[in-house]
């Protein structure tokens, strides 16, 4: 039996981040559920290689910055109740990578 995932929230998160930011981060290996969008990013000075963005019950976002190495997953930082316009700044702070020119 196949289950379908509603990708509207993930699509909206990706739109709010923007194509330029995704390219500058080297985003790839996208994954989503009904209220979550996550992706792998390129090498950076803070060794974050995975970002998970979840829509919470307050219609705000929770962001997790993760390092995955082999079978080991380490959560490096978590921010809760984030507005969409704050995502770029938090990504830049937690990864050391720019999301705009």
Protein backbone atom coordinates (compact mmCIF):
# COMPACT_ATOMS: atom_id res chain seq x y z
CA UNK A 1 0.00 0.00 0.00
CA UNK A 2 1.44 3.34 -1.06
CA UNK A 3 1.08 6.43 1.10
CA UNK A 4 1.21 9.90 -0.39
CA UNK A 5 2.91 12.88 1.22
CA UNK A 6 1.44 16.35 0.90
CA UNK A 7 4.38 18.38 -0.40
CA UNK A 8 2.77 21.83 -0.24
CA UNK A 9 4.47 22.82 3.02
CA UNK A 10 7.89 21.60 1.82
CA UNK A 11 7.39 23.47 -1.45
CA UNK A 12 6.52 26.65 0.44
CA UNK A 13 9.59 26.35 2.70
CA UNK A 14 11.81 25.88 -0.37
CA UNK A 15 10.17 28.90 -2.02
CA UNK A 16 10.74 31.04 1.08
CA UNK A 17 14.41 30.06 1.17
CA UNK A 18 14.74 30.73 -2.55
CA UNK A 19 16.62 29.02 -5.37
CA UNK A 20 19.68 31.27 -5.00
CA UNK A 21 20.09 30.39 -1.32
CA UNK A 22 19.65 26.70 -2.03
CA UNK A 23 22.32 26.86 -4.75
CA UNK A 24 24.72 28.81 -2.53
CA UNK A 25 24.31 26.20 0.20
CA UNK A 26 24.90 23.36 -2.24
CA UNK A 27 21.55 21.85 -1.20
CA UNK A 28 20.78 18.33 -2.41
CA UNK A 29 19.10 15.08 -1.31
CA UNK A 30 15.78 16.79 -0.49
CA UNK A 31 13.25 14.99 1.69
CA UNK A 32 9.85 15.96 3.04
CA UNK A 33 6.88 14.84 5.09
CA UNK A 34 3.55 16.59 5.58
CA UNK A 35 5.05 19.39 7.73
CA UNK A 36 8.84 19.03 7.33
CA UNK A 37 11.50 19.79 4.71
CA UNK A 38 15.11 18.66 5.05
CA UNK A 39 18.18 18.66 2.84
CA UNK A 40 21.90 18.03 2.80
CA UNK A 41 24.26 20.99 2.31
CA UNK A 42 27.84 21.43 1.15
CA UNK A 43 30.98 21.62 3.28
CA UNK A 44 31.20 24.52 5.72
CA UNK A 45 33.37 25.67 8.61
CA UNK A 46 30.89 24.60 11.30
CA UNK A 47 30.64 21.03 9.93
CA UNK A 48 26.84 21.11 9.57
CA UNK A 49 25.79 18.88 6.69
CA UNK A 50 22.04 18.54 7.14
CA UNK A 51 19.25 21.06 7.79
CA UNK A 52 15.75 20.12 8.91
CA UNK A 53 12.95 22.72 8.85
CA UNK A 54 9.60 21.86 10.44
CA UNK A 55 6.34 23.83 10.50
CA UNK A 56 5.08 23.84 14.09
CA UNK A 57 1.58 24.36 15.52
CA UNK A 58 2.06 28.14 15.87
CA UNK A 59 2.52 28.46 12.07
CA UNK A 60 6.21 29.21 12.69
CA UNK A 61 9.28 27.13 11.89
CA UNK A 62 11.63 24.98 13.95
CA UNK A 63 15.12 24.54 12.47
CA UNK A 64 17.64 21.81 13.32
CA UNK A 65 21.27 21.79 12.21
CA UNK A 66 22.69 18.28 12.13
CA UNK A 67 25.98 16.55 11.33
CA UNK A 68 25.67 13.03 9.95
CA UNK A 69 28.85 10.99 9.71
CA UNK A 70 28.41 7.31 8.94
CA UNK A 71 25.73 5.97 11.25
CA UNK A 72 26.26 8.72 13.83
CA UNK A 73 23.88 11.70 13.88
CA UNK A 74 24.73 14.71 16.05
CA UNK A 75 22.30 17.59 16.55
CA UNK A 76 24.46 20.72 16.63
CA UNK A 77 21.80 23.40 17.10
CA UNK A 78 18.04 23.84 17.28
CA UNK A 79 16.00 27.03 16.91
CA UNK A 80 12.27 27.15 17.59
CA UNK A 81 9.48 29.55 16.64
CA UNK A 82 11.30 31.13 13.69
CA UNK A 83 9.61 33.47 11.23
CA UNK A 84 10.25 32.88 7.52
CA UNK A 85 12.26 36.10 7.13
CA UNK A 86 14.66 34.97 9.89
CA UNK A 87 15.65 31.67 8.23
CA UNK A 88 18.47 33.14 6.09
CA UNK A 89 20.16 34.82 9.05
CA UNK A 90 19.98 31.69 11.21
CA UNK A 91 21.36 29.49 8.42
CA UNK A 92 24.25 31.91 7.90
CA UNK A 93 25.00 31.97 11.64
CA UNK A 94 24.84 28.20 12.12
CA UNK A 95 26.70 27.16 8.95
CA UNK A 96 29.03 30.07 8.22
CA UNK A 97 27.74 30.01 4.63
CA UNK A 98 26.12 32.97 2.87
CA UNK A 99 22.61 32.65 1.46
CA UNK A 100 22.63 35.86 -0.55
CA UNK A 101 25.12 38.05 -2.38
